[in-house]
C-alpha atoms as a PDB file:
ATOM      1  CA  UNK A   1      -0.152  -0.168  -0.200  1.00  0.00           C
ATOM      2  CA  UNK A   2       1.538   3.344  -0.868  1.00  0.00           C
ATOM      3  CA  UNK A   3       1.970   6.091   1.473  1.00  0.00           C
ATOM      4  CA  UNK A   4       0.356   9.280   0.396  1.00  0.00           C
ATOM      5  CA  UNK A   5       2.762  12.164  -0.336  1.00  0.00           C
ATOM      6  CA  UNK A   6       3.185  14.852   1.981  1.00  0.00           C
ATOM      7  CA  UNK A   7       3.942  18.379   1.195  1.00  0.00           C
ATOM      8  CA  UNK A   8       7.017  19.617   3.186  1.00  0.00           C
ATOM      9  CA  UNK A   9       7.305  23.447   3.750  1.00  0.00           C
ATOM     10  CA  UNK A  10      10.719  24.390   2.866  1.00  0.00           C
ATOM     11  CA  UNK A  11      12.374  27.872   3.888  1.00  0.00           C
ATOM     12  CA  UNK A  12      12.724  29.150   0.361  1.00  0.00           C
ATOM     13  CA  UNK A  13       9.035  28.258  -0.123  1.00  0.00           C
ATOM     14  CA  UNK A  14       7.947  30.339   2.807  1.00  0.00           C
ATOM     15  CA  UNK A  15      10.114  33.076   1.730  1.00  0.00           C
ATOM     16  CA  UNK A  16       8.906  33.092  -1.851  1.00  0.00           C
ATOM     17  CA  UNK A  17       5.285  33.462  -0.360  1.00  0.00           C
ATOM     18  CA  UNK A  18       6.428  36.093   1.763  1.00  0.00           C
ATOM     19  CA  UNK A  19       8.051  38.122  -1.101  1.00  0.00           C
ATOM     20  CA  UNK A  20       5.022  37.662  -3.144  1.00  0.00           C
ATOM     21  CA  UNK A  21       3.128  39.232  -0.347  1.00  0.00           C
ATOM     22  CA  UNK A  22       5.457  41.797  -0.027  1.00  0.00           C
ATOM     23  CA  UNK A  23       5.557  42.831  -3.884  1.00  0.00           C
ATOM     24  CA  UNK A  24       1.697  43.181  -3.287  1.00  0.00           C
ATOM     25  CA  UNK A  25       1.896  45.650  -0.565  1.00  0.00           C
ATOM     26  CA  UNK A  26       4.624  47.688  -2.574  1.00  0.00           C
ATOM     27  CA  UNK A  27       1.694  47.735  -5.384  1.00  0.00           C
ATOM     28  CA  UNK A  28      -0.870  48.580  -2.919  1.00  0.00           C
ATOM     29  CA  UNK A  29       1.148  51.751  -1.589  1.00  0.00           C
ATOM     30  CA  UNK A  30       1.749  52.626  -5.360  1.00  0.00           C
ATOM     31  CA  UNK A  31      -1.704  52.362  -6.140  1.00  0.00           C
ATOM     32  CA  UNK A  32      -2.813  54.379  -3.062  1.00  0.00           C
ATOM     33  CA  UNK A  33      -0.286  57.321  -3.746  1.00  0.00           C
ATOM     34  CA  UNK A  34      -1.647  57.621  -7.332  1.00  0.00           C
ATOM     35  CA  UNK A  35      -5.214  57.819  -5.717  1.00  0.00           C
ATOM     36  CA  UNK A  36      -4.204  60.693  -3.143  1.00  0.00           C
ATOM     37  CA  UNK A  37      -2.398  62.831  -5.793  1.00  0.00           C
ATOM     38  CA  UNK A  38      -4.775  62.391  -8.961  1.00  0.00           C
ATOM     39  CA  UNK A  39      -7.895  61.240  -6.880  1.00  0.00           C
ATOM     40  CA  UNK A  40     -10.960  60.780  -9.481  1.00  0.00           C
ATOM     41  CA  UNK A  41      -9.023  60.953 -12.610  1.00  0.00           C
ATOM     42  CA  UNK A  42      -6.990  58.079 -11.715  1.00  0.00           C
ATOM     43  CA  UNK A  43      -9.660  55.788 -10.310  1.00  0.00           C
ATOM     44  CA  UNK A  44     -11.068  54.623 -14.116  1.00  0.00           C
ATOM     45  CA  UNK A  45      -7.210  54.210 -15.090  1.00  0.00           C
ATOM     46  CA  UNK A  46      -6.198  52.450 -12.028  1.00  0.00           C
ATOM     47  CA  UNK A  47      -9.453  50.021 -12.056  1.00  0.00           C
ATOM     48  CA  UNK A  48      -8.991  49.266 -15.726  1.00  0.00           C
ATOM     49  CA  UNK A  49      -5.068  48.396 -14.901  1.00  0.00           C
ATOM     50  CA  UNK A  50      -6.389  46.093 -11.565  1.00  0.00           C
ATOM     51  CA  UNK A  51      -8.894  44.446 -14.142  1.00  0.00           C
ATOM     52  CA  UNK A  52      -6.247  43.739 -16.701  1.00  0.00           C
ATOM     53  CA  UNK A  53      -3.844  42.311 -14.127  1.00  0.00           C
ATOM     54  CA  UNK A  54      -6.899  40.213 -12.720  1.00  0.00           C
ATOM     55  CA  UNK A  55      -8.033  38.656 -16.015  1.00  0.00           C
ATOM     56  CA  UNK A  56      -4.013  38.081 -17.152  1.00  0.00           C
ATOM     57  CA  UNK A  57      -3.445  36.431 -13.845  1.00  0.00           C
ATOM     58  CA  UNK A  58      -6.574  34.452 -13.349  1.00  0.00           C
ATOM     59  CA  UNK A  59      -6.433  33.582 -17.078  1.00  0.00           C
ATOM     60  CA  UNK A  60      -2.623  32.309 -16.583  1.00  0.00           C
ATOM     61  CA  UNK A  61      -3.488  30.242 -13.707  1.00  0.00           C
ATOM     62  CA  UNK A  62      -6.324  28.529 -15.286  1.00  0.00           C
ATOM     63  CA  UNK A  63      -4.367  28.004 -18.493  1.00  0.00           C
ATOM     64  CA  UNK A  64      -1.659  26.347 -16.556  1.00  0.00           C
ATOM     65  CA  UNK A  65      -3.678  24.175 -14.432  1.00  0.00           C
ATOM     66  CA  UNK A  66      -5.461  23.041 -17.765  1.00  0.00           C
ATOM     67  CA  UNK A  67      -1.953  22.069 -19.474  1.00  0.00           C
ATOM     68  CA  UNK A  68      -0.353  20.950 -16.326  1.00  0.00           C
ATOM     69  CA  UNK A  69       0.933  17.322 -16.274  1.00  0.00           C
ATOM     70  CA  UNK A  70       0.544  16.806 -12.796  1.00  0.00           C
ATOM     71  CA  UNK A  71      -3.002  18.255 -12.842  1.00  0.00           C
ATOM     72  CA  UNK A  72      -5.345  17.118 -10.169  1.00  0.00           C
ATOM     73  CA  UNK A  73      -8.970  15.777 -10.817  1.00  0.00           C
ATOM     74  CA  UNK A  74     -11.458  18.188  -9.473  1.00  0.00           C
ATOM     75  CA  UNK A  75     -11.404  21.878  -8.201  1.00  0.00           C
ATOM     76  CA  UNK A  76      -8.867  22.988  -5.897  1.00  0.00           C
ATOM     77  CA  UNK A  77      -8.591  26.062  -4.286  1.00  0.00           C
ATOM     78  CA  UNK A  78      -5.922  27.827  -6.373  1.00  0.00           C
ATOM     79  CA  UNK A  79      -8.206  26.980  -9.352  1.00  0.00           C
ATOM     80  CA  UNK A  80     -11.334  28.521  -8.046  1.00  0.00           C
ATOM     81  CA  UNK A  81      -9.226  31.532  -6.942  1.00  0.00           C
ATOM     82  CA  UNK A  82      -8.074  31.967 -10.374  1.00  0.00           C
ATOM     83  CA  UNK A  83     -11.446  31.431 -12.024  1.00  0.00           C
ATOM     84  CA  UNK A  84     -12.868  34.204  -9.552  1.00  0.00           C
ATOM     85  CA  UNK A  85     -10.048  36.486  -9.925  1.00  0.00           C
ATOM     86  CA  UNK A  86     -10.646  36.181 -13.764  1.00  0.00           C
ATOM     87  CA  UNK A  87     -14.111  37.076 -13.333  1.00  0.00           C
ATOM     88  CA  UNK A  88     -13.678  40.127 -11.273  1.00  0.00           C
ATOM     89  CA  UNK A  89     -11.528  41.487 -14.399  1.00  0.00           C
ATOM     90  CA  UNK A  90     -14.260  40.587 -16.606  1.00  0.00           C
ATOM     91  CA  UNK A  91     -16.703  42.367 -14.632  1.00  0.00           C
ATOM     92  CA  UNK A  92     -14.591  45.550 -14.497  1.00  0.00           C
ATOM     93  CA  UNK A  93     -14.316  45.813 -17.907  1.00  0.00           C
ATOM     94  CA  UNK A  94     -18.158  45.118 -18.243  1.00  0.00           C
ATOM     95  CA  UNK A  95     -19.357  47.841 -16.045  1.00  0.00           C
ATOM     96  CA  UNK A  96     -18.334  50.738 -17.870  1.00  0.00           C
ATOM     97  CA  UNK A  97     -19.312  54.113 -16.139  1.00  0.00           C
ATOM     98  CA  UNK A  98     -19.820  52.535 -12.850  1.00  0.00           C
ATOM     99  CA  UNK A  99     -16.168  51.283 -12.760  1.00  0.00           C
ATOM    100  CA  UNK A 100     -15.489  53.675  -9.610  1.00  0.00           C
ATOM    101  CA  UNK A 101     -18.142  52.170  -7.312  1.00  0.00           C
ATOM    102  CA  UNK A 102     -16.848  48.562  -8.436  1.00  0.00           C
ATOM    103  CA  UNK A 103     -13.329  49.684  -7.709  1.00  0.00           C
ATOM    104  CA  UNK A 104     -14.046  50.559  -4.383  1.00  0.00           C
ATOM    105  CA  UNK A 105     -15.705  47.201  -3.849  1.00  0.00           C
ATOM    106  CA  UNK A 106     -12.830  45.398  -5.215  1.00  0.00           C
ATOM    107  CA  UNK A 107     -10.407  47.262  -3.277  1.00  0.00           C
ATOM    108  CA  UNK A 108     -12.324  46.390  -0.168  1.00  0.00           C
ATOM    109  CA  UNK A 109     -12.440  43.088  -0.978  1.00  0.00           C
ATOM    110  CA  UNK A 110      -8.589  42.814  -1.969  1.00  0.00           C
ATOM    111  CA  UNK A 111      -7.756  44.282   1.387  1.00  0.00           C
ATOM    112  CA  UNK A 112      -9.982  41.634   3.301  1.00  0.00           C
ATOM    113  CA  UNK A 113      -8.394  38.782   1.250  1.00  0.00           C
ATOM    114  CA  UNK A 114      -4.832  40.185   2.288  1.00  0.00           C
ATOM    115  CA  UNK A 115      -6.204  40.467   5.786  1.00  0.00           C
ATOM    116  CA  UNK A 116      -7.185  36.781   5.761  1.00  0.00           C
ATOM    117  CA  UNK A 117      -3.779  35.804   4.707  1.00  0.00           C
ATOM    118  CA  UNK A 118      -2.011  37.580   7.314  1.00  0.00           C
ATOM    119  CA  UNK A 119      -4.448  36.084   9.781  1.00  0.00           C
ATOM    120  CA  UNK A 120      -3.417  32.668   8.769  1.00  0.00           C
ATOM    121  CA  UNK A 121       0.043  33.871   8.917  1.00  0.00           C
ATOM    122  CA  UNK A 122      -0.725  34.901  12.327  1.00  0.00           C
ATOM    123  CA  UNK A 123      -2.058  31.351  13.482  1.00  0.00           C
ATOM    124  CA  UNK A 124       0.909  29.787  11.988  1.00  0.00           C
ATOM    125  CA  UNK A 125       3.265  32.033  13.925  1.00  0.00           C
ATOM    126  CA  UNK A 126       1.411  31.389  17.069  1.00  0.00           C
ATOM    127  CA  UNK A 127       1.273  27.636  16.417  1.00  0.00           C
ATOM    128  CA  UNK A 128       5.274  27.694  16.026  1.00  0.00           C
ATOM    129  CA  UNK A 129       5.598  29.630  19.565  1.00  0.00           C
ATOM    130  CA  UNK A 130       6.666  32.947  18.027  1.00  0.00           C
ATOM    131  CA  UNK A 131       6.271  35.553  20.816  1.00  0.00           C
ATOM    132  CA  UNK A 132       5.400  38.577  18.391  1.00  0.00           C
ATOM    133  CA  UNK A 133       2.313  36.826  16.660  1.00  0.00           C
ATOM    134  CA  UNK A 134      -0.283  38.930  18.460  1.00  0.00           C
ATOM    135  CA  UNK A 135       1.229  42.118  16.445  1.00  0.00           C
ATOM    136  CA  UNK A 136       0.503  40.302  12.988  1.00  0.00           C
ATOM    137  CA  UNK A 137      -2.836  39.303  14.318  1.00  0.00           C
ATOM    138  CA  UNK A 138      -3.516  43.001  15.357  1.00  0.00           C
ATOM    139  CA  UNK A 139      -2.469  43.927  11.602  1.00  0.00           C
ATOM    140  CA  UNK A 140      -4.627  41.522  10.217  1.00  0.00           C
ATOM    141  CA  UNK A 141      -7.539  42.587  12.250  1.00  0.00           C
ATOM    142  CA  UNK A 142      -6.916  46.192  11.131  1.00  0.00           C
ATOM    143  CA  UNK A 143      -6.702  45.500   7.717  1.00  0.00           C
ATOM    144  CA  UNK A 144     -10.068  43.276   7.677  1.00  0.00           C
ATOM    145  CA  UNK A 145     -11.621  46.435   9.451  1.00  0.00           C
ATOM    146  CA  UNK A 146     -10.322  48.789   6.380  1.00  0.00           C
ATOM    147  CA  UNK A 147     -11.566  46.084   3.560  1.00  0.00           C
ATOM    148  CA  UNK A 148     -14.941  46.013   5.109  1.00  0.00           C
ATOM    149  CA  UNK A 149     -15.270  49.771   5.391  1.00  0.00           C
ATOM    150  CA  UNK A 150     -13.955  50.232   1.774  1.00  0.00           C
ATOM    151  CA  UNK A 151     -16.451  47.457   0.464  1.00  0.00           C
ATOM    152  CA  UNK A 152     -19.734  48.372   2.249  1.00  0.00           C
ATOM    153  CA  UNK A 153     -19.335  52.409   2.693  1.00  0.00           C
ATOM    154  CA  UNK A 154     -20.918  53.939  -0.181  1.00  0.00           C
ATOM    155  CA  UNK A 155     -19.291  57.228   0.721  1.00  0.00           C
ATOM    156  CA  UNK A 156     -15.384  56.315   0.475  1.00  0.00           C
ATOM    157  CA  UNK A 157     -14.204  58.802  -1.636  1.00  0.00           C
ATOM    158  CA  UNK A 158     -11.099  58.324  -4.002  1.00  0.00           C
ATOM    159  CA  UNK A 159      -8.924  60.488  -1.507  1.00  0.00           C
ATOM    160  CA  UNK A 160      -9.933  58.127   1.398  1.00  0.00           C
ATOM    161  CA  UNK A 161      -9.271  55.110  -0.601  1.00  0.00           C
ATOM    162  CA  UNK A 162      -5.885  56.193  -1.546  1.00  0.00           C
ATOM    163  CA  UNK A 163      -4.783  57.035   1.938  1.00  0.00           C
ATOM    164  CA  UNK A 164      -6.526  53.510   3.145  1.00  0.00           C
ATOM    165  CA  UNK A 165      -4.289  51.580   0.601  1.00  0.00           C
ATOM    166  CA  UNK A 166      -1.143  53.535   1.897  1.00  0.00           C
ATOM    167  CA  UNK A 167      -2.016  52.549   5.285  1.00  0.00           C
ATOM    168  CA  UNK A 168      -2.827  49.044   4.280  1.00  0.00           C
ATOM    169  CA  UNK A 169       0.561  48.464   2.103  1.00  0.00           C
ATOM    170  CA  UNK A 170       2.647  49.868   4.859  1.00  0.00           C
ATOM    171  CA  UNK A 171       1.259  47.504   7.354  1.00  0.00           C
ATOM    172  CA  UNK A 172       1.234  44.631   4.953  1.00  0.00           C
ATOM    173  CA  UNK A 173       4.926  45.194   4.509  1.00  0.00           C
ATOM    174  CA  UNK A 174       5.361  45.561   8.271  1.00  0.00           C
ATOM    175  CA  UNK A 175       3.811  42.247   8.868  1.00  0.00           C
ATOM    176  CA  UNK A 176       5.651  40.452   6.072  1.00  0.00           C
ATOM    177  CA  UNK A 177       9.091  41.215   7.217  1.00  0.00           C
ATOM    178  CA  UNK A 178       7.984  40.063  10.586  1.00  0.00           C
ATOM    179  CA  UNK A 179       6.877  36.596   9.056  1.00  0.00           C
ATOM    180  CA  UNK A 180       9.899  36.426   6.790  1.00  0.00           C
ATOM    181  CA  UNK A 181      12.130  36.913   9.966  1.00  0.00           C
ATOM    182  CA  UNK A 182      10.373  34.000  11.842  1.00  0.00           C
ATOM    183  CA  UNK A 183      10.065  31.435   8.940  1.00  0.00           C
ATOM    184  CA  UNK A 184      13.015  29.380  10.524  1.00  0.00           C
ATOM    185  CA  UNK A 185      10.957  29.160  13.773  1.00  0.00           C
ATOM    186  CA  UNK A 186       7.884  28.276  11.971  1.00  0.00           C
ATOM    187  CA  UNK A 187       9.663  25.653   9.775  1.00  0.00           C
ATOM    188  CA  UNK A 188      11.167  23.896  13.235  1.00  0.00           C
ATOM    189  CA  UNK A 189       7.645  23.743  14.615  1.00  0.00           C
ATOM    190  CA  UNK A 190       5.957  22.277  11.321  1.00  0.00           C
ATOM    191  CA  UNK A 191       8.607  20.009  10.680  1.00  0.00           C
ATOM    192  CA  UNK A 192       9.620  21.381   7.256  1.00  0.00           C
ATOM    193  CA  UNK A 193      13.000  21.957   5.745  1.00  0.00           C
ATOM    194  CA  UNK A 194      15.478  24.780   5.885  1.00  0.00           C
ATOM    195  CA  UNK A 195      16.272  24.728   2.302  1.00  0.00           C
END
Protein backbone atom coordinates (compact mmCIF):
# COMPACT_ATOMS: atom_id res chain seq x y z
CA UNK A 1 0.00 0.00 0.00
CA UNK A 2 1.43 3.36 -1.10
CA UNK A 3 1.92 6.08 1.47
CA UNK A 4 0.27 9.39 0.57
CA UNK A 5 2.63 12.17 -0.45
CA UNK A 6 3.03 14.78 2.26
CA UNK A 7 3.88 18.32 1.16
CA UNK A 8 6.79 19.56 3.28
CA UNK A 9 7.33 23.28 3.66
CA UNK A 10 10.76 24.68 2.88
CA UNK A 11 12.35 27.93 3.98
CA UNK A 12 12.71 29.04 0.35
CA UNK A 13 9.02 28.25 -0.27
CA UNK A 14 7.95 30.32 2.73
CA UNK A 15 10.24 33.17 1.70
CA UNK A 16 8.91 33.07 -1.86
CA UNK A 17 5.36 33.39 -0.50
CA UNK A 18 6.43 36.27 1.77
CA UNK A 19 8.19 38.10 -1.10
CA UNK A 20 5.10 37.74 -3.27
CA UNK A 21 3.02 39.22 -0.46
CA UNK A 22 5.59 42.03 -0.06
CA UNK A 23 5.33 42.89 -3.76
CA UNK A 24 1.53 43.10 -3.41
CA UNK A 25 1.97 45.45 -0.43
CA UNK A 26 4.31 47.71 -2.44
CA UNK A 27 1.86 47.82 -5.37
CA UNK A 28 -0.91 48.69 -2.89
CA UNK A 29 1.15 51.66 -1.64
CA UNK A 30 1.86 52.83 -5.21
CA UNK A 31 -1.86 52.69 -6.13
CA UNK A 32 -2.66 54.56 -2.92
CA UNK A 33 -0.22 57.37 -3.70
CA UNK A 34 -1.65 57.70 -7.23
CA UNK A 35 -5.17 57.97 -5.82
CA UNK A 36 -4.18 60.59 -3.25
CA UNK A 37 -2.35 62.70 -5.86
CA UNK A 38 -4.74 62.39 -8.83
CA UNK A 39 -7.92 61.29 -7.02
CA UNK A 40 -10.94 60.80 -9.33
CA UNK A 41 -8.99 61.13 -12.59
CA UNK A 42 -6.90 58.08 -11.77
CA UNK A 43 -9.69 55.83 -10.46
CA UNK A 44 -10.81 54.68 -13.90
CA UNK A 45 -7.23 54.10 -15.11
CA UNK A 46 -6.25 52.13 -12.02
CA UNK A 47 -9.47 50.15 -12.13
CA UNK A 48 -8.78 49.12 -15.73
CA UNK A 49 -5.16 48.28 -14.86
CA UNK A 50 -6.35 46.16 -11.94
CA UNK A 51 -8.99 44.56 -14.17
CA UNK A 52 -6.37 43.75 -16.80
CA UNK A 53 -4.02 42.35 -14.17
CA UNK A 54 -6.77 40.14 -12.73
CA UNK A 55 -7.74 38.90 -16.19
CA UNK A 56 -4.12 38.01 -17.00
CA UNK A 57 -3.38 36.46 -13.61
CA UNK A 58 -6.60 34.44 -13.52
CA UNK A 59 -6.32 33.41 -17.19
CA UNK A 60 -2.68 32.36 -16.81
CA UNK A 61 -3.41 30.28 -13.70
CA UNK A 62 -6.40 28.61 -15.36
CA UNK A 63 -4.35 27.85 -18.50
CA UNK A 64 -1.45 26.52 -16.39
CA UNK A 65 -3.85 24.25 -14.53
CA UNK A 66 -5.47 22.97 -17.73
CA UNK A 67 -2.13 22.14 -19.41
CA UNK A 68 -0.28 20.90 -16.32
CA UNK A 69 1.01 17.34 -16.55
CA UNK A 70 0.51 16.96 -12.79
CA UNK A 71 -3.09 18.14 -13.01
CA UNK A 72 -5.21 16.87 -10.15
CA UNK A 73 -8.79 15.83 -10.74
CA UNK A 74 -11.53 18.17 -9.60
CA UNK A 75 -11.43 21.74 -8.36
CA UNK A 76 -8.82 22.87 -5.91
CA UNK A 77 -8.52 26.15 -4.01
CA UNK A 78 -5.98 27.64 -6.44
CA UNK A 79 -8.17 26.95 -9.49
CA UNK A 80 -11.32 28.34 -7.82
CA UNK A 81 -9.42 31.50 -6.83
CA UNK A 82 -8.11 31.83 -10.41
CA UNK A 83 -11.64 31.54 -11.85
CA UNK A 84 -12.97 34.13 -9.37
CA UNK A 85 -10.02 36.45 -10.14
CA UNK A 86 -10.65 36.14 -13.89
CA UNK A 87 -14.39 36.82 -13.47
CA UNK A 88 -13.73 39.93 -11.36
CA UNK A 89 -11.49 41.22 -14.17
CA UNK A 90 -14.29 40.61 -16.69
CA UNK A 91 -16.79 42.45 -14.47
CA UNK A 92 -14.49 45.49 -14.20
CA UNK A 93 -14.39 45.86 -17.98
CA UNK A 94 -18.13 45.18 -18.34
CA UNK A 95 -19.47 47.83 -15.94
CA UNK A 96 -18.15 50.88 -17.79
CA UNK A 97 -19.26 54.10 -16.09
CA UNK A 98 -19.85 52.46 -12.71
CA UNK A 99 -16.17 51.48 -12.59
CA UNK A 100 -15.43 53.74 -9.58
CA UNK A 101 -17.99 51.96 -7.39
CA UNK A 102 -16.81 48.56 -8.56
CA UNK A 103 -13.23 49.62 -7.92
CA UNK A 104 -14.08 50.69 -4.37
CA UNK A 105 -15.73 47.33 -3.64
CA UNK A 106 -12.91 45.44 -5.37
CA UNK A 107 -10.24 47.24 -3.35
CA UNK A 108 -12.18 46.48 -0.17
CA UNK A 109 -12.45 42.80 -1.07
CA UNK A 110 -8.74 42.60 -1.94
CA UNK A 111 -7.81 44.19 1.40
CA UNK A 112 -10.09 41.71 3.19
CA UNK A 113 -8.30 38.90 1.31
CA UNK A 114 -4.88 40.30 2.31
CA UNK A 115 -6.10 40.56 5.91
CA UNK A 116 -7.21 36.91 5.86
CA UNK A 117 -3.77 35.85 4.57
CA UNK A 118 -2.09 37.70 7.41
CA UNK A 119 -4.59 36.24 9.88
CA UNK A 120 -3.50 32.79 8.68
CA UNK A 121 0.17 33.85 9.05
CA UNK A 122 -0.53 34.98 12.61
CA UNK A 123 -2.06 31.61 13.47
CA UNK A 124 0.96 29.82 11.98
CA UNK A 125 3.35 32.01 13.98
CA UNK A 126 1.29 31.35 17.13
CA UNK A 127 1.45 27.58 16.57
CA UNK A 128 5.23 27.92 16.14
CA UNK A 129 5.46 29.67 19.52
CA UNK A 130 6.66 33.01 18.07
CA UNK A 131 6.24 35.71 20.72
CA UNK A 132 5.14 38.57 18.44
CA UNK A 133 2.36 36.65 16.66
CA UNK A 134 -0.20 38.95 18.30
CA UNK A 135 1.22 41.97 16.42
CA UNK A 136 0.58 40.20 13.09
CA UNK A 137 -2.92 39.30 14.36
CA UNK A 138 -3.61 42.97 15.21
CA UNK A 139 -2.42 43.99 11.74
CA UNK A 140 -4.73 41.41 10.16
CA UNK A 141 -7.71 42.72 12.14
CA UNK A 142 -6.93 46.32 11.10
CA UNK A 143 -6.70 45.27 7.46
CA UNK A 144 -9.98 43.37 7.68
CA UNK A 145 -11.66 46.43 9.23
CA UNK A 146 -10.32 48.75 6.48
CA UNK A 147 -11.39 46.30 3.79
CA UNK A 148 -14.94 45.98 5.12
CA UNK A 149 -15.24 49.77 5.43
CA UNK A 150 -14.19 50.29 1.81
CA UNK A 151 -16.30 47.46 0.44
CA UNK A 152 -19.53 48.42 2.20
CA UNK A 153 -19.37 52.22 2.75
CA UNK A 154 -20.69 54.10 -0.31
CA UNK A 155 -19.25 57.43 0.82
CA UNK A 156 -15.63 56.30 0.58
CA UNK A 157 -13.99 58.83 -1.74
CA UNK A 158 -10.99 58.22 -3.99
CA UNK A 159 -8.81 60.30 -1.65
CA UNK A 160 -9.82 58.22 1.36
CA UNK A 161 -9.33 54.99 -0.58
CA UNK A 162 -5.84 56.19 -1.51
CA UNK A 163 -4.91 56.75 2.13
CA UNK A 164 -6.40 53.40 3.13
CA UNK A 165 -4.29 51.74 0.44
CA UNK A 166 -1.12 53.47 1.64
CA UNK A 167 -1.74 52.54 5.28
CA UNK A 168 -2.75 49.00 4.35
CA UNK A 169 0.34 48.57 2.18
CA UNK A 170 2.64 49.82 4.94
CA UNK A 171 0.97 47.56 7.49
CA UNK A 172 1.26 44.67 5.06
CA UNK A 173 4.99 45.33 4.54
CA UNK A 174 5.53 45.35 8.31
CA UNK A 175 3.74 42.04 8.78
CA UNK A 176 5.57 40.48 5.79
CA UNK A 177 8.96 41.43 7.28
CA UNK A 178 7.93 39.93 10.64
CA UNK A 179 6.78 36.74 8.92
CA UNK A 180 10.06 36.43 6.96
CA UNK A 181 12.11 36.94 10.14
CA UNK A 182 10.36 34.00 11.77
CA UNK A 183 10.36 31.42 8.95
CA UNK A 184 13.00 29.29 10.71
CA UNK A 185 10.92 29.02 13.89
CA UNK A 186 7.82 28.24 11.85
CA UNK A 187 9.58 25.48 9.91
CA UNK A 188 11.03 24.00 13.10
CA UNK A 189 7.59 23.80 14.65
CA UNK A 190 5.90 22.38 11.53
CA UNK A 191 8.72 19.97 10.65
CA UNK A 192 9.66 21.56 7.31
CA UNK A 193 12.99 21.68 5.52
CA UNK A 194 15.39 24.62 5.85
CA UNK A 195 16.28 24.87 2.16
